[in-house]
Structure formats: C-alpha cells, structure tokens
Amino acid sequence: MRARTALLERARRTHEALAVWEPPARRGDTAAMRMLAKLLSRAGQISTAEWWLRHAVQHGDPESLAELAELLRLAGRVDEADRVVEIGLEPGGQTANQWT
C-alpha cells in the first residue's frame, strides 16, 4: 500500500492516496491513521491530520503522540507541542495541561 501511495502522490493524485488509507483507518488501524495524517498534512489539511493523530493516540498508538507533537510544532503551536510530549492528552483527546 505504501508503494501505491507514493506513486499516487508523485502523480499528484492525493485524493486517491487518501482513499487507500481511510478505510483501514476508520476500522481502527493506527498505522493507517498515521499514514492518513501524513498525507493530509502534506496536502495542507492540518486540522484533519491533527484529528487523526489524536484519534490514533486514543487508540493506544504511542508513535502518533510524537507525530502529533511534530505536526503542532510545524503549525507554530510549540507550547502545545511541548505539553503533548511532557504531559500527553486528556482521555477525550485534548492536549493535557499541567496540574497546579
């Protein structure tokens, strides 16, 4: 699937590449959620990419937490990215705040 996705991206057929990964992501495949988020991010759909990464974290995927932090940094949300790394997410998927 990754090779097919790469070919589709090079051909600027991102919508078809997204269609490859969305069904398994919707079924709960966290690796597919991460790939979908990468494709969405490259396509400039940052908020949707962020949603998929948060969803993957909630499904127990620790790799998505690091990718979420990187996405937030690239979006200029450095403080939030630092909180994601240091504290994590709340059960509902929101970035956690430090307890005072």
C-alpha atoms as a PDB file:
ATOM      1  CA  MET A   1       0.000   0.000   0.000  1.00  0.00           C
ATOM      2  CA  ARG A   2       2.856   2.392   0.754  1.00  0.00           C
ATOM      3  CA  ALA A   3       4.361   1.982  -2.717  1.00  0.00           C
ATOM      4  CA  ARG A   4       0.993   2.634  -4.327  1.00  0.00           C
ATOM      5  CA  THR A   5       0.523   5.705  -2.140  1.00  0.00           C
ATOM      6  CA  ALA A   6       3.927   7.060  -3.138  1.00  0.00           C
ATOM      7  CA  LEU A   7       3.107   6.626  -6.817  1.00  0.00           C
ATOM      8  CA  LEU A   8      -0.234   8.350  -6.400  1.00  0.00           C
ATOM      9  CA  GLU A   9       1.369  11.253  -4.529  1.00  0.00           C
ATOM     10  CA  ARG A  10       4.018  11.693  -7.224  1.00  0.00           C
ATOM     11  CA  ALA A  11       1.229  11.772  -9.795  1.00  0.00           C
ATOM     12  CA  ARG A  12      -0.487  14.470  -7.698  1.00  0.00           C
ATOM     13  CA  ARG A  13      -3.438  12.167  -7.090  1.00  0.00           C
ATOM     14  CA  THR A  14      -3.534  12.758  -3.349  1.00  0.00           C
ATOM     15  CA  HIS A  15      -7.292  12.188  -3.096  1.00  0.00           C
ATOM     16  CA  GLU A  16      -6.743   8.639  -4.394  1.00  0.00           C
ATOM     17  CA  ALA A  17      -3.888   8.082  -1.950  1.00  0.00           C
ATOM     18  CA  LEU A  18      -6.156   9.212   0.883  1.00  0.00           C
ATOM     19  CA  ALA A  19      -8.827   6.779  -0.313  1.00  0.00           C
ATOM     20  CA  VAL A  20      -6.340   3.909   0.079  1.00  0.00           C
ATOM     21  CA  TRP A  21      -5.711   4.626   3.777  1.00  0.00           C
ATOM     22  CA  GLU A  22      -9.050   5.938   5.012  1.00  0.00           C
ATOM     23  CA  PRO A  23     -10.964   2.611   5.168  1.00  0.00           C
ATOM     24  CA  PRO A  24      -8.393   0.833   7.370  1.00  0.00           C
ATOM     25  CA  ALA A  25      -8.038   3.984   9.493  1.00  0.00           C
ATOM     26  CA  ARG A  26     -11.788   4.040  10.074  1.00  0.00           C
ATOM     27  CA  ARG A  27     -11.598   0.371  11.108  1.00  0.00           C
ATOM     28  CA  GLY A  28      -9.120   1.294  13.856  1.00  0.00           C
ATOM     29  CA  ASP A  29      -5.773   0.580  12.181  1.00  0.00           C
ATOM     30  CA  THR A  30      -3.489   3.083  13.904  1.00  0.00           C
ATOM     31  CA  ALA A  31      -0.699   2.716  11.325  1.00  0.00           C
ATOM     32  CA  ALA A  32      -3.251   3.683   8.670  1.00  0.00           C
ATOM     33  CA  MET A  33      -4.331   6.630  10.830  1.00  0.00           C
ATOM     34  CA  ARG A  34      -0.710   7.837  10.954  1.00  0.00           C
ATOM     35  CA  MET A  35      -0.262   7.463   7.189  1.00  0.00           C
ATOM     36  CA  LEU A  36      -3.544   9.232   6.541  1.00  0.00           C
ATOM     37  CA  ALA A  37      -2.419  12.070   8.812  1.00  0.00           C
ATOM     38  CA  LYS A  38       0.888  12.361   6.916  1.00  0.00           C
ATOM     39  CA  LEU A  39      -0.915  12.558   3.595  1.00  0.00           C
ATOM     40  CA  LEU A  40      -3.399  15.100   4.915  1.00  0.00           C
ATOM     41  CA  SER A  41      -0.606  17.207   6.372  1.00  0.00           C
ATOM     42  CA  ARG A  42       1.265  17.219   3.053  1.00  0.00           C
ATOM     43  CA  ALA A  43      -1.980  18.266   1.366  1.00  0.00           C
ATOM     44  CA  GLY A  44      -2.303  21.210   3.768  1.00  0.00           C
ATOM     45  CA  GLN A  45      -5.203  19.712   5.733  1.00  0.00           C
ATOM     46  CA  ILE A  46      -3.542  20.237   9.093  1.00  0.00           C
ATOM     47  CA  SER A  47      -6.630  20.169  11.323  1.00  0.00           C
ATOM     48  CA  THR A  48      -7.846  16.889   9.839  1.00  0.00           C
ATOM     49  CA  ALA A  49      -4.354  15.409  10.127  1.00  0.00           C
ATOM     50  CA  GLU A  50      -4.276  16.504  13.751  1.00  0.00           C
ATOM     51  CA  TRP A  51      -7.652  14.846  14.381  1.00  0.00           C
ATOM     52  CA  TRP A  52      -6.407  11.508  13.003  1.00  0.00           C
ATOM     53  CA  LEU A  53      -3.236  11.621  15.094  1.00  0.00           C
ATOM     54  CA  ARG A  54      -5.190  12.395  18.261  1.00  0.00           C
ATOM     55  CA  HIS A  55      -7.548   9.545  17.391  1.00  0.00           C
ATOM     56  CA  ALA A  56      -4.595   7.163  16.926  1.00  0.00           C
ATOM     57  CA  VAL A  57      -3.164   8.164  20.317  1.00  0.00           C
ATOM     58  CA  GLN A  58      -6.534   7.472  21.920  1.00  0.00           C
ATOM     59  CA  HIS A  59      -6.396   4.025  20.316  1.00  0.00           C
ATOM     60  CA  GLY A  60      -3.086   3.353  22.086  1.00  0.00           C
ATOM     61  CA  ASP A  61      -0.537   4.278  19.416  1.00  0.00           C
ATOM     62  CA  PRO A  62       2.477   5.919  21.098  1.00  0.00           C
ATOM     63  CA  GLU A  63       4.173   6.753  17.765  1.00  0.00           C
ATOM     64  CA  SER A  64       1.289   9.059  16.922  1.00  0.00           C
ATOM     65  CA  LEU A  65       1.978  11.140  20.020  1.00  0.00           C
ATOM     66  CA  ALA A  66       5.422  12.087  18.689  1.00  0.00           C
ATOM     67  CA  GLU A  67       4.000  12.758  15.232  1.00  0.00           C
ATOM     68  CA  LEU A  68       1.274  14.926  16.750  1.00  0.00           C
ATOM     69  CA  ALA A  69       3.884  16.961  18.610  1.00  0.00           C
ATOM     70  CA  GLU A  70       5.857  17.440  15.382  1.00  0.00           C
ATOM     71  CA  LEU A  71       2.721  18.496  13.484  1.00  0.00           C
ATOM     72  CA  LEU A  72       1.899  21.031  16.198  1.00  0.00           C
ATOM     73  CA  ARG A  73       5.463  22.416  16.051  1.00  0.00           C
ATOM     74  CA  LEU A  74       5.254  22.794  12.278  1.00  0.00           C
ATOM     75  CA  ALA A  75       1.942  24.605  12.726  1.00  0.00           C
ATOM     76  CA  GLY A  76       3.636  27.071  15.097  1.00  0.00           C
ATOM     77  CA  ARG A  77       1.985  25.664  18.214  1.00  0.00           C
ATOM     78  CA  VAL A  78       5.264  24.979  20.009  1.00  0.00           C
ATOM     79  CA  ASP A  79       3.946  25.360  23.580  1.00  0.00           C
ATOM     80  CA  GLU A  80       1.166  22.882  22.902  1.00  0.00           C
ATOM     81  CA  ALA A  81       3.629  20.504  21.224  1.00  0.00           C
ATOM     82  CA  ASP A  82       5.801  20.629  24.346  1.00  0.00           C
ATOM     83  CA  ARG A  83       2.771  19.838  26.550  1.00  0.00           C
ATOM     84  CA  VAL A  84       1.880  16.884  24.322  1.00  0.00           C
ATOM     85  CA  VAL A  85       5.386  15.476  24.798  1.00  0.00           C
ATOM     86  CA  GLU A  86       5.657  16.243  28.507  1.00  0.00           C
ATOM     87  CA  ILE A  87       2.105  15.581  29.712  1.00  0.00           C
ATOM     88  CA  GLY A  88       0.176  13.878  26.896  1.00  0.00           C
ATOM     89  CA  LEU A  89      -3.505  14.001  26.061  1.00  0.00           C
ATOM     90  CA  GLU A  90      -6.651  14.004  28.158  1.00  0.00           C
ATOM     91  CA  PRO A  91      -8.975  10.997  27.770  1.00  0.00           C
ATOM     92  CA  GLY A  92     -11.086  12.966  25.262  1.00  0.00           C
ATOM     93  CA  GLY A  93      -8.050  13.651  23.066  1.00  0.00           C
ATOM     94  CA  GLN A  94      -7.416  17.270  24.063  1.00  0.00           C
ATOM     95  CA  THR A  95      -3.911  18.368  24.967  1.00  0.00           C
ATOM     96  CA  ALA A  96      -3.447  17.991  28.702  1.00  0.00           C
ATOM     97  CA  ASN A  97      -2.466  20.902  30.925  1.00  0.00           C
ATOM     98  CA  GLN A  98      -0.103  20.649  33.844  1.00  0.00           C
ATOM     99  CA  TRP A  99      -1.817  20.396  37.181  1.00  0.00           C
ATOM    100  CA  THR A 100      -1.296  23.296  39.531  1.00  0.00           C
END
